[in-house]
Every structure is written in structure tokens, then in C-alpha cells.
Amino acid sequence: MTLGTLFWLFIAGFVVWYWWQAKAIKDSVLKAAHRYCKSMDVLLLDDAVYLRGLWFKRDPQGSLRVWRRFLFDFATTGEERYTGRAIMLGRKIVHMELDPHRF
């Protein structure tokens, strides 16, 4: 086994690991969005969340964490679509909000 082969195996392993972790994080945000929409008496549309921001920021303890912003669509009556946001810092959701909407 050559060094080049080991390098490509490492890259492939890293890609698989990253995809697995990203899927787990997205699934947890989707569950949280379902709960939040239910508590706010709105309907989560498309059963999906979309990653729209990725950065590094510090948490309150000063540790560097990955900051992620997810968007999702919701409706109050089923006629109009609105946007909601979920902000994660590390593996913790630190903020969730809904755009102003009609009741």
C-alpha cells in the first residue's frame, strides 16, 4: 500500500464521516423544527430544513464551535409560505424563530 493510496482512503473516510455527521445534525434540527412549529401552532412544510450558513464562532465558554444556520418553510393556513430559522452552535440549537405571519 502506497502513501498515495493511504491519502485517498483517508479522504474518502473523511467524506463519509462528514456526510454521516451532517445528516445526523440535519435530522436533529428537523425534529426541533417540528416541535417548535407545533408549539407555535403552525405547519412545517416540505418536512425539510436547509443549511444556509456555516461558520466558526465562540460559545459562551470561549470554545471555538461550528455555527450553522438552517432555514425551513411553514404555513399558518396552508395558503401562504413563510420562513423560519434555526441557529446551531456546535451541536446545540441556540435560537429558533419564525418570520412574522398571519394567524
PDB file of N, CA and C in Angstrom:
ATOM      1  N   MET A   1       0.853  -1.167   0.000  1.00  0.00           N
ATOM      2  CA  MET A   1       0.000   0.000   0.000  1.00  0.00           C
ATOM      3  C   MET A   1       0.904   1.237   0.000  1.00  0.00           C
ATOM      4  N   THR A   2       0.655   2.123  -0.930  1.00  0.00           N
ATOM      5  CA  THR A   2       1.498   3.316  -1.054  1.00  0.00           C
ATOM      6  C   THR A   2       0.918   4.465  -0.232  1.00  0.00           C
ATOM      7  N   LEU A   3       1.714   5.503  -0.087  1.00  0.00           N
ATOM      8  CA  LEU A   3       1.288   6.685   0.646  1.00  0.00           C
ATOM      9  C   LEU A   3       0.123   7.373  -0.075  1.00  0.00           C
ATOM     10  N   GLY A   4       0.133   7.375  -1.404  1.00  0.00           N
ATOM     11  CA  GLY A   4      -0.971   7.953  -2.179  1.00  0.00           C
ATOM     12  C   GLY A   4      -2.280   7.231  -1.938  1.00  0.00           C
ATOM     13  N   THR A   5      -2.223   5.897  -1.871  1.00  0.00           N
ATOM     14  CA  THR A   5      -3.425   5.107  -1.599  1.00  0.00           C
ATOM     15  C   THR A   5      -3.961   5.404  -0.213  1.00  0.00           C
ATOM     16  N   LEU A   6      -3.073   5.508   0.766  1.00  0.00           N
ATOM     17  CA  LEU A   6      -3.499   5.837   2.135  1.00  0.00           C
ATOM     18  C   LEU A   6      -4.139   7.224   2.189  1.00  0.00           C
ATOM     19  N   PHE A   7      -3.554   8.163   1.447  1.00  0.00           N
ATOM     20  CA  PHE A   7      -4.104   9.511   1.401  1.00  0.00           C
ATOM     21  C   PHE A   7      -5.532   9.499   0.870  1.00  0.00           C
ATOM     22  N   TRP A   8      -5.778   8.798  -0.242  1.00  0.00           N
ATOM     23  CA  TRP A   8      -7.116   8.760  -0.831  1.00  0.00           C
ATOM     24  C   TRP A   8      -8.098   7.990   0.045  1.00  0.00           C
ATOM     25  N   LEU A   9      -7.633   6.975   0.746  1.00  0.00           N
ATOM     26  CA  LEU A   9      -8.507   6.272   1.691  1.00  0.00           C
ATOM     27  C   LEU A   9      -8.895   7.184   2.843  1.00  0.00           C
ATOM     28  N   PHE A  10      -7.943   7.973   3.318  1.00  0.00           N
ATOM     29  CA  PHE A  10      -8.238   8.933   4.386  1.00  0.00           C
ATOM     30  C   PHE A  10      -9.255   9.961   3.910  1.00  0.00           C
ATOM     31  N   ILE A  11      -9.081  10.488   2.717  1.00  0.00           N
ATOM     32  CA  ILE A  11     -10.016  11.480   2.173  1.00  0.00           C
ATOM     33  C   ILE A  11     -11.412  10.878   2.034  1.00  0.00           C
ATOM     34  N   ALA A  12     -11.492   9.662   1.500  1.00  0.00           N
ATOM     35  CA  ALA A  12     -12.792   9.004   1.351  1.00  0.00           C
ATOM     36  C   ALA A  12     -13.447   8.766   2.706  1.00  0.00           C
ATOM     37  N   GLY A  13     -12.671   8.331   3.683  1.00  0.00           N
ATOM     38  CA  GLY A  13     -13.195   8.119   5.028  1.00  0.00           C
ATOM     39  C   GLY A  13     -13.687   9.413   5.653  1.00  0.00           C
ATOM     40  N   PHE A  14     -12.948  10.492   5.442  1.00  0.00           N
ATOM     41  CA  PHE A  14     -13.352  11.788   5.984  1.00  0.00           C
ATOM     42  C   PHE A  14     -14.665  12.256   5.351  1.00  0.00           C
ATOM     43  N   VAL A  15     -14.802  12.075   4.050  1.00  0.00           N
ATOM     44  CA  VAL A  15     -16.033  12.487   3.353  1.00  0.00           C
ATOM     45  C   VAL A  15     -17.228  11.701   3.891  1.00  0.00           C
ATOM     46  N   VAL A  16     -17.064  10.402   4.068  1.00  0.00           N
ATOM     47  CA  VAL A  16     -18.152   9.571   4.608  1.00  0.00           C
ATOM     48  C   VAL A  16     -18.485  10.009   6.028  1.00  0.00           C
ATOM     49  N   TRP A  17     -17.475  10.247   6.867  1.00  0.00           N
ATOM     50  CA  TRP A  17     -17.712  10.680   8.245  1.00  0.00           C
ATOM     51  C   TRP A  17     -18.443  12.021   8.271  1.00  0.00           C
ATOM     52  N   TYR A  18     -17.998  12.989   7.449  1.00  0.00           N
ATOM     53  CA  TYR A  18     -18.624  14.298   7.418  1.00  0.00           C
ATOM     54  C   TYR A  18     -20.078  14.199   6.972  1.00  0.00           C
ATOM     55  N   TRP A  19     -20.343  13.397   5.940  1.00  0.00           N
ATOM     56  CA  TRP A  19     -21.719  13.230   5.457  1.00  0.00           C
ATOM     57  C   TRP A  19     -22.594  12.634   6.560  1.00  0.00           C
ATOM     58  N   TRP A  20     -22.088  11.645   7.270  1.00  0.00           N
ATOM     59  CA  TRP A  20     -22.837  10.991   8.347  1.00  0.00           C
ATOM     60  C   TRP A  20     -23.156  11.991   9.459  1.00  0.00           C
ATOM     61  N   GLN A  21     -22.165  12.780   9.859  1.00  0.00           N
ATOM     62  CA  GLN A  21     -22.379  13.776  10.910  1.00  0.00           C
ATOM     63  C   GLN A  21     -23.350  14.862  10.463  1.00  0.00           C
ATOM     64  N   ALA A  22     -23.215  15.334   9.230  1.00  0.00           N
ATOM     65  CA  ALA A  22     -24.107  16.382   8.714  1.00  0.00           C
ATOM     66  C   ALA A  22     -25.547  15.891   8.651  1.00  0.00           C
ATOM     67  N   LYS A  23     -25.740  14.640   8.278  1.00  0.00           N
ATOM     68  CA  LYS A  23     -27.087  14.068   8.228  1.00  0.00           C
ATOM     69  C   LYS A  23     -27.688  13.973   9.623  1.00  0.00           C
ATOM     70  N   ALA A  24     -26.894  13.557  10.602  1.00  0.00           N
ATOM     71  CA  ALA A  24     -27.388  13.465  11.982  1.00  0.00           C
ATOM     72  C   ALA A  24     -27.768  14.842  12.518  1.00  0.00           C
ATOM     73  N   ILE A  25     -26.972  15.848  12.222  1.00  0.00           N
ATOM     74  CA  ILE A  25     -27.270  17.203  12.678  1.00  0.00           C
ATOM     75  C   ILE A  25     -28.534  17.719  11.999  1.00  0.00           C
ATOM     76  N   LYS A  26     -28.648  17.498  10.709  1.00  0.00           N
ATOM     77  CA  LYS A  26     -29.835  17.948   9.979  1.00  0.00           C
ATOM     78  C   LYS A  26     -31.094  17.261  10.504  1.00  0.00           C
ATOM     79  N   ASP A  27     -31.013  15.985  10.813  1.00  0.00           N
ATOM     80  CA  ASP A  27     -32.156  15.263  11.371  1.00  0.00           C
ATOM     81  C   ASP A  27     -32.564  15.825  12.730  1.00  0.00           C
ATOM     82  N   SER A  28     -31.592  16.185  13.565  1.00  0.00           N
ATOM     83  CA  SER A  28     -31.925  16.738  14.877  1.00  0.00           C
ATOM     84  C   SER A  28     -32.566  18.118  14.747  1.00  0.00           C
ATOM     85  N   VAL A  29     -32.104  18.926  13.789  1.00  0.00           N
ATOM     86  CA  VAL A  29     -32.716  20.236  13.555  1.00  0.00           C
ATOM     87  C   VAL A  29     -34.136  20.068  13.016  1.00  0.00           C
ATOM     88  N   LEU A  30     -34.347  19.093  12.160  1.00  0.00           N
ATOM     89  CA  LEU A  30     -35.685  18.835  11.624  1.00  0.00           C
ATOM     90  C   LEU A  30     -36.656  18.465  12.749  1.00  0.00           C
ATOM     91  N   LYS A  31     -36.225  17.612  13.672  1.00  0.00           N
ATOM     92  CA  LYS A  31     -37.078  17.251  14.812  1.00  0.00           C
ATOM     93  C   LYS A  31     -37.379  18.469  15.672  1.00  0.00           C
ATOM     94  N   ALA A  32     -36.369  19.302  15.910  1.00  0.00           N
ATOM     95  CA  ALA A  32     -36.577  20.513  16.708  1.00  0.00           C
ATOM     96  C   ALA A  32     -37.522  21.482  16.001  1.00  0.00           C
ATOM     97  N   ALA A  33     -37.402  21.595  14.671  1.00  0.00           N
ATOM     98  CA  ALA A  33     -38.299  22.469  13.905  1.00  0.00           C
ATOM     99  C   ALA A  33     -39.741  21.958  13.978  1.00  0.00           C
ATOM    100  N   HIS A  34     -39.911  20.623  13.923  1.00  0.00           N
ATOM    101  CA  HIS A  34     -41.250  20.047  14.084  1.00  0.00           C
ATOM    102  C   HIS A  34     -41.839  20.431  15.437  1.00  0.00           C
ATOM    103  N   ARG A  35     -41.064  20.254  16.490  1.00  0.00           N
ATOM    104  CA  ARG A  35     -41.548  20.587  17.841  1.00  0.00           C
ATOM    105  C   ARG A  35     -41.864  22.076  17.969  1.00  0.00           C
ATOM    106  N   TYR A  36     -40.976  22.914  17.447  1.00  0.00           N
ATOM    107  CA  TYR A  36     -41.171  24.362  17.552  1.00  0.00           C
ATOM    108  C   TYR A  36     -42.412  24.800  16.785  1.00  0.00           C
ATOM    109  N   CYS A  37     -42.576  24.307  15.568  1.00  0.00           N
ATOM    110  CA  CYS A  37     -43.761  24.661  14.775  1.00  0.00           C
ATOM    111  C   CYS A  37     -45.042  24.201  15.462  1.00  0.00           C
ATOM    112  N   LYS A  38     -44.992  23.015  16.050  1.00  0.00           N
ATOM    113  CA  LYS A  38     -46.173  22.510  16.760  1.00  0.00           C
ATOM    114  C   LYS A  38     -46.488  23.396  17.964  1.00  0.00           C
ATOM    115  N   SER A  39     -45.460  23.825  18.685  1.00  0.00           N
ATOM    116  CA  SER A  39     -45.692  24.678  19.859  1.00  0.00           C
ATOM    117  C   SER A  39     -46.195  26.062  19.457  1.00  0.00           C
ATOM    118  N   MET A  40     -45.829  26.525  18.257  1.00  0.00           N
ATOM    119  CA  MET A  40     -46.280  27.836  17.773  1.00  0.00           C
ATOM    120  C   MET A  40     -47.575  27.726  16.963  1.00  0.00           C
ATOM    121  N   ASP A  41     -48.126  26.528  16.852  1.00  0.00           N
ATOM    122  CA  ASP A  41     -49.383  26.258  16.159  1.00  0.00           C
ATOM    123  C   ASP A  41     -49.326  26.632  14.673  1.00  0.00           C
ATOM    124  N   VAL A  42     -48.212  26.257  14.037  1.00  0.00           N
ATOM    125  CA  VAL A  42     -48.074  26.418  12.591  1.00  0.00           C
ATOM    126  C   VAL A  42     -47.681  25.061  12.003  1.00  0.00           C
ATOM    127  N   LEU A  43     -47.712  24.969  10.683  1.00  0.00           N
ATOM    128  CA  LEU A  43     -47.434  23.709   9.998  1.00  0.00           C
ATOM    129  C   LEU A  43     -46.087  23.779   9.289  1.00  0.00           C
ATOM    130  N   LEU A  44     -45.181  22.862   9.630  1.00  0.00           N
ATOM    131  CA  LEU A  44     -43.901  22.761   8.929  1.00  0.00           C
ATOM    132  C   LEU A  44     -44.155  22.186   7.542  1.00  0.00           C
ATOM    133  N   LEU A  45     -43.676  22.885   6.515  1.00  0.00           N
ATOM    134  CA  LEU A  45     -43.907  22.455   5.139  1.00  0.00           C
ATOM    135  C   LEU A  45     -42.721  21.660   4.605  1.00  0.00           C
ATOM    136  N   ASP A  46     -42.976  20.774   3.687  1.00  0.00           N
ATOM    137  CA  ASP A  46     -41.976  20.001   2.955  1.00  0.00           C
ATOM    138  C   ASP A  46     -41.181  19.038   3.830  1.00  0.00           C
ATOM    139  N   ASP A  47     -41.398  19.029   5.118  1.00  0.00           N
ATOM    140  CA  ASP A  47     -40.685  18.135   6.034  1.00  0.00           C
ATOM    141  C   ASP A  47     -39.170  18.202   5.795  1.00  0.00           C
ATOM    142  N   ALA A  48     -38.655  19.452   5.703  1.00  0.00           N
ATOM    143  CA  ALA A  48     -37.235  19.625   5.378  1.00  0.00           C
ATOM    144  C   ALA A  48     -36.684  20.900   6.010  1.00  0.00           C
ATOM    145  N   VAL A  49     -35.387  20.878   6.294  1.00  0.00           N
ATOM    146  CA  VAL A  49     -34.630  22.060   6.696  1.00  0.00           C
ATOM    147  C   VAL A  49     -33.449  22.177   5.735  1.00  0.00           C
ATOM    148  N   TYR A  50     -32.994  23.414   5.522  1.00  0.00           N
ATOM    149  CA  TYR A  50     -31.955  23.669   4.534  1.00  0.00           C
ATOM    150  C   TYR A  50     -30.802  24.431   5.178  1.00  0.00           C
ATOM    151  N   LEU A  51     -29.606  23.928   5.052  1.00  0.00           N
ATOM    152  CA  LEU A  51     -28.419  24.601   5.574  1.00  0.00           C
ATOM    153  C   LEU A  51     -28.132  25.817   4.707  1.00  0.00           C
ATOM    154  N   ARG A  52     -28.117  27.011   5.317  1.00  0.00           N
ATOM    155  CA  ARG A  52     -27.885  28.239   4.563  1.00  0.00           C
ATOM    156  C   ARG A  52     -26.726  29.054   5.109  1.00  0.00           C
ATOM    157  N   GLY A  53     -26.040  28.566   6.116  1.00  0.00           N
ATOM    158  CA  GLY A  53     -24.887  29.286   6.633  1.00  0.00           C
ATOM    159  C   GLY A  53     -24.019  28.363   7.465  1.00  0.00           C
ATOM    160  N   LEU A  54     -22.700  28.527   7.329  1.00  0.00           N
ATOM    161  CA  LEU A  54     -21.751  27.701   8.054  1.00  0.00           C
ATOM    162  C   LEU A  54     -20.535  28.571   8.367  1.00  0.00           C
ATOM    163  N   TRP A  55     -20.183  28.647   9.642  1.00  0.00           N
ATOM    164  CA  TRP A  55     -19.083  29.487  10.067  1.00  0.00           C
ATOM    165  C   TRP A  55     -18.520  28.961  11.375  1.00  0.00           C
ATOM    166  N   PHE A  56     -17.457  29.587  11.864  1.00  0.00           N
ATOM    167  CA  PHE A  56     -16.896  29.249  13.170  1.00  0.00           C
ATOM    168  C   PHE A  56     -17.100  30.423  14.105  1.00  0.00           C
ATOM    169  N   LYS A  57     -17.627  30.145  15.291  1.00  0.00           N
ATOM    170  CA  LYS A  57     -17.840  31.172  16.311  1.00  0.00           C
ATOM    171  C   LYS A  57     -17.519  30.582  17.673  1.00  0.00           C
ATOM    172  N   ARG A  58     -17.361  31.449  18.637  1.00  0.00           N
ATOM    173  CA  ARG A  58     -17.065  31.011  20.006  1.00  0.00           C
ATOM    174  C   ARG A  58     -18.355  30.897  20.813  1.00  0.00           C
ATOM    175  N   ASP A  59     -18.414  29.871  21.651  1.00  0.00           N
ATOM    176  CA  ASP A  59     -19.555  29.704  22.548  1.00  0.00           C
ATOM    177  C   ASP A  59     -19.335  30.558  23.797  1.00  0.00           C
ATOM    178  N   PRO A  60     -20.303  30.615  24.718  1.00  0.00           N
ATOM    179  CA  PRO A  60     -20.140  31.445  25.925  1.00  0.00           C
ATOM    180  C   PRO A  60     -18.925  31.079  26.781  1.00  0.00           C
ATOM    181  N   GLN A  61     -18.440  29.853  26.678  1.00  0.00           N
ATOM    182  CA  GLN A  61     -17.262  29.452  27.443  1.00  0.00           C
ATOM    183  C   GLN A  61     -15.964  29.808  26.716  1.00  0.00           C
ATOM    184  N   GLY A  62     -16.041  30.310  25.505  1.00  0.00           N
ATOM    185  CA  GLY A  62     -14.873  30.711  24.746  1.00  0.00           C
ATOM    186  C   GLY A  62     -14.326  29.647  23.809  1.00  0.00           C
ATOM    187  N   SER A  63     -14.964  28.495  23.737  1.00  0.00           N
ATOM    188  CA  SER A  63     -14.508  27.427  22.834  1.00  0.00           C
ATOM    189  C   SER A  63     -14.983  27.701  21.412  1.00  0.00           C
ATOM    190  N   LEU A  64     -14.149  27.393  20.451  1.00  0.00           N
ATOM    191  CA  LEU A  64     -14.494  27.570  19.047  1.00  0.00           C
ATOM    192  C   LEU A  64     -15.422  26.444  18.608  1.00  0.00           C
ATOM    193  N   ARG A  65     -16.572  26.809  18.058  1.00  0.00           N
ATOM    194  CA  ARG A  65     -17.579  25.837  17.615  1.00  0.00           C
ATOM    195  C   ARG A  65     -18.001  26.152  16.180  1.00  0.00           C
ATOM    196  N   VAL A  66     -18.646  25.174  15.560  1.00  0.00           N
ATOM    197  CA  VAL A  66     -19.213  25.380  14.229  1.00  0.00           C
ATOM    198  C   VAL A  66     -20.587  26.022  14.407  1.00  0.00           C
ATOM    199  N   TRP A  67     -20.809  27.136  13.707  1.00  0.00           N
ATOM    200  CA  TRP A  67     -22.082  27.853  13.714  1.00  0.00           C
ATOM    201  C   TRP A  67     -22.809  27.509  12.422  1.00  0.00           C
ATOM    202  N   ARG A  68     -24.066  27.095  12.544  1.00  0.00           N
ATOM    203  CA  ARG A  68     -24.864  26.729  11.367  1.00  0.00           C
ATOM    204  C   ARG A  68     -26.203  27.446  11.413  1.00  0.00           C
ATOM    205  N   ARG A  69     -26.665  27.889  10.234  1.00  0.00           N
ATOM    206  CA  ARG A  69     -27.992  28.490  10.120  1.00  0.00           C
ATOM    207  C   ARG A  69     -28.806  27.637   9.166  1.00  0.00           C
ATOM    208  N   PHE A  70     -29.944  27.169   9.649  1.00  0.00           N
ATOM    209  CA  PHE A  70     -30.867  26.367   8.844  1.00  0.00           C
ATOM    210  C   PHE A  70     -32.129  27.171   8.610  1.00  0.00           C
ATOM    211  N   LEU A  71     -32.705  27.016   7.434  1.00  0.00           N
ATOM    212  CA  LEU A  71     -33.995  27.627   7.104  1.00  0.00           C
ATOM    213  C   LEU A  71     -35.017  26.531   6.864  1.00  0.00           C
ATOM    214  N   PHE A  72     -36.267  26.847   7.145  1.00  0.00           N
ATOM    215  CA  PHE A  72     -37.375  25.930   6.866  1.00  0.00           C
ATOM    216  C   PHE A  72     -38.610  26.746   6.541  1.00  0.00           C
ATOM    217  N   ASP A  73     -39.535  26.145   5.828  1.00  0.00           N
ATOM    218  CA  ASP A  73     -40.768  26.814   5.438  1.00  0.00           C
ATOM    219  C   ASP A  73     -41.911  26.340   6.320  1.00  0.00           C
ATOM    220  N   PHE A  74     -42.831  27.272   6.615  1.00  0.00           N
ATOM    221  CA  PHE A  74     -44.007  26.922   7.404  1.00  0.00           C
ATOM    222  C   PHE A  74     -45.202  27.707   6.897  1.00  0.00           C
ATOM    223  N   ALA A  75     -46.374  27.281   7.309  1.00  0.00           N
ATOM    224  CA  ALA A  75     -47.618  27.957   6.921  1.00  0.00           C
ATOM    225  C   ALA A  75     -48.560  27.976   8.114  1.00  0.00           C
ATOM    226  N   THR A  76     -49.435  28.955   8.113  1.00  0.00           N
ATOM    227  CA  THR A  76     -50.442  29.024   9.166  1.00  0.00           C
ATOM    228  C   THR A  76     -51.775  28.466   8.685  1.00  0.00           C
ATOM    229  N   THR A  77     -52.112  28.753   7.437  1.00  0.00           N
ATOM    230  CA  THR A  77     -53.391  28.295   6.899  1.00  0.00           C
ATOM    231  C   THR A  77     -53.209  27.339   5.728  1.00  0.00           C
ATOM    232  N   GLY A  78     -51.990  27.182   5.262  1.00  0.00           N
ATOM    233  CA  GLY A  78     -51.736  26.338   4.111  1.00  0.00           C
ATOM    234  C   GLY A  78     -51.689  27.101   2.800  1.00  0.00           C
ATOM    235  N   GLU A  79     -52.046  28.386   2.819  1.00  0.00           N
ATOM    236  CA  GLU A  79     -52.068  29.177   1.595  1.00  0.00           C
ATOM    237  C   GLU A  79     -50.767  29.934   1.364  1.00  0.00           C
ATOM    238  N   GLU A  80     -50.200  30.504   2.409  1.00  0.00           N
ATOM    239  CA  GLU A  80     -49.002  31.326   2.273  1.00  0.00           C
ATOM    240  C   GLU A  80     -47.821  30.637   2.946  1.00  0.00           C
ATOM    241  N   ARG A  81     -46.655  30.756   2.320  1.00  0.00           N
ATOM    242  CA  ARG A  81     -45.419  30.178   2.873  1.00  0.00           C
ATOM    243  C   ARG A  81     -44.629  31.275   3.586  1.00  0.00           C
ATOM    244  N   TYR A  82     -44.087  30.916   4.722  1.00  0.00           N
ATOM    245  CA  TYR A  82     -43.212  31.801   5.474  1.00  0.00           C
ATOM    246  C   TYR A  82     -41.925  31.045   5.791  1.00  0.00           C
ATOM    247  N   THR A  83     -40.920  31.785   6.228  1.00  0.00           N
ATOM    248  CA  THR A  83     -39.619  31.179   6.515  1.00  0.00           C
ATOM    249  C   THR A  83     -39.334  31.209   8.008  1.00  0.00           C
ATOM    250  N   GLY A  84     -38.765  30.112   8.495  1.00  0.00           N
ATOM    251  CA  GLY A  84     -38.296  30.032   9.870  1.00  0.00           C
ATOM    252  C   GLY A  84     -36.799  29.781   9.867  1.00  0.00           C
ATOM    253  N   ARG A  85     -36.146  30.082  10.995  1.00  0.00           N
ATOM    254  CA  ARG A  85     -34.704  29.916  11.113  1.00  0.00           C
ATOM    255  C   ARG A  85     -34.348  29.162  12.377  1.00  0.00           C
ATOM    256  N   ALA A  86     -33.325  28.338  12.256  1.00  0.00           N
ATOM    257  CA  ALA A  86     -32.751  27.650  13.419  1.00  0.00           C
ATOM    258  C   ALA A  86     -31.250  27.887  13.390  1.00  0.00           C
ATOM    259  N   ILE A  87     -30.703  28.344  14.508  1.00  0.00           N
ATOM    260  CA  ILE A  87     -29.275  28.609  14.621  1.00  0.00           C
ATOM    261  C   ILE A  87     -28.677  27.591  15.578  1.00  0.00           C
ATOM    262  N   MET A  88     -27.613  26.936  15.116  1.00  0.00           N
ATOM    263  CA  MET A  88     -26.901  25.961  15.950  1.00  0.00           C
ATOM    264  C   MET A  88     -25.497  26.468  16.223  1.00  0.00           C
ATOM    265  N   LEU A  89     -25.027  26.225  17.431  1.00  0.00           N
ATOM    266  CA  LEU A  89     -23.655  26.491  17.803  1.00  0.00           C
ATOM    267  C   LEU A  89     -23.107  25.197  18.365  1.00  0.00           C
ATOM    268  N   GLY A  90     -22.246  24.555  17.612  1.00  0.00           N
ATOM    269  CA  GLY A  90     -21.816  23.205  17.963  1.00  0.00           C
ATOM    270  C   GLY A  90     -22.948  22.249  17.651  1.00  0.00           C
ATOM    271  N   ARG A  91     -23.364  21.484  18.654  1.00  0.00           N
ATOM    272  CA  ARG A  91     -24.494  20.561  18.467  1.00  0.00           C
ATOM    273  C   ARG A  91     -25.740  21.025  19.215  1.00  0.00           C
ATOM    274  N   LYS A  92     -25.750  22.282  19.625  1.00  0.00           N
ATOM    275  CA  LYS A  92     -26.867  22.817  20.402  1.00  0.00           C
ATOM    276  C   LYS A  92     -27.591  23.908  19.613  1.00  0.00           C
ATOM    277  N   ILE A  93     -28.910  23.814  19.594  1.00  0.00           N
ATOM    278  CA  ILE A  93     -29.712  24.862  18.952  1.00  0.00           C
ATOM    279  C   ILE A  93     -29.811  26.020  19.940  1.00  0.00           C
ATOM    280  N   VAL A  94     -29.310  27.178  19.522  1.00  0.00           N
ATOM    281  CA  VAL A  94     -29.281  28.332  20.415  1.00  0.00           C
ATOM    282  C   VAL A  94     -30.374  29.345  20.109  1.00  0.00           C
ATOM    283  N   HIS A  95     -30.977  29.250  18.924  1.00  0.00           N
ATOM    284  CA  HIS A  95     -32.015  30.220  18.574  1.00  0.00           C
ATOM    285  C   HIS A  95     -32.918  29.628  17.501  1.00  0.00           C
ATOM    286  N   MET A  96     -34.213  29.866  17.651  1.00  0.00           N
ATOM    287  CA  MET A  96     -35.168  29.441  16.628  1.00  0.00           C
ATOM    288  C   MET A  96     -36.231  30.539  16.540  1.00  0.00           C
ATOM    289  N   GLU A  97     -36.568  30.911  15.321  1.00  0.00           N
ATOM    290  CA  GLU A  97     -37.555  31.987  15.133  1.00  0.00           C
ATOM    291  C   GLU A  97     -38.359  31.760  13.870  1.00  0.00           C
ATOM    292  N   LEU A  98     -39.509  32.404  13.829  1.00  0.00           N
ATOM    293  CA  LEU A  98     -40.389  32.379  12.666  1.00  0.00           C
ATOM    294  C   LEU A  98     -40.553  33.802  12.150  1.00  0.00           C
ATOM    295  N   ASP A  99     -40.640  33.947  10.839  1.00  0.00           N
ATOM    296  CA  ASP A  99     -40.935  35.262  10.258  1.00  0.00           C
ATOM    297  C   ASP A  99     -42.315  35.703  10.710  1.00  0.00           C
ATOM    298  N   PRO A 100     -42.579  37.020  10.720  1.00  0.00           N
ATOM    299  CA  PRO A 100     -43.935  37.492  11.031  1.00  0.00           C
ATOM    300  C   PRO A 100     -44.937  36.887  10.047  1.00  0.00           C
ATOM    301  N   HIS A 101     -46.059  36.446  10.598  1.00  0.00           N
ATOM    302  CA  HIS A 101     -47.047  35.762   9.753  1.00  0.00           C
ATOM    303  C   HIS A 101     -48.451  36.053  10.262  1.00  0.00           C
ATOM    304  N   ARG A 102     -49.435  35.734   9.421  1.00  0.00           N
ATOM    305  CA  ARG A 102     -50.850  35.883   9.787  1.00  0.00           C
ATOM    306  C   ARG A 102     -51.284  34.665  10.591  1.00  0.00           C
ATOM    307  N   PHE A 103     -52.245  34.874  11.447  1.00  0.00           N
ATOM    308  CA  PHE A 103     -52.768  33.761  12.258  1.00  0.00           C
ATOM    309  C   PHE A 103     -53.992  33.177  11.674  1.00  0.00           C
TER     310      PHE A 103
END
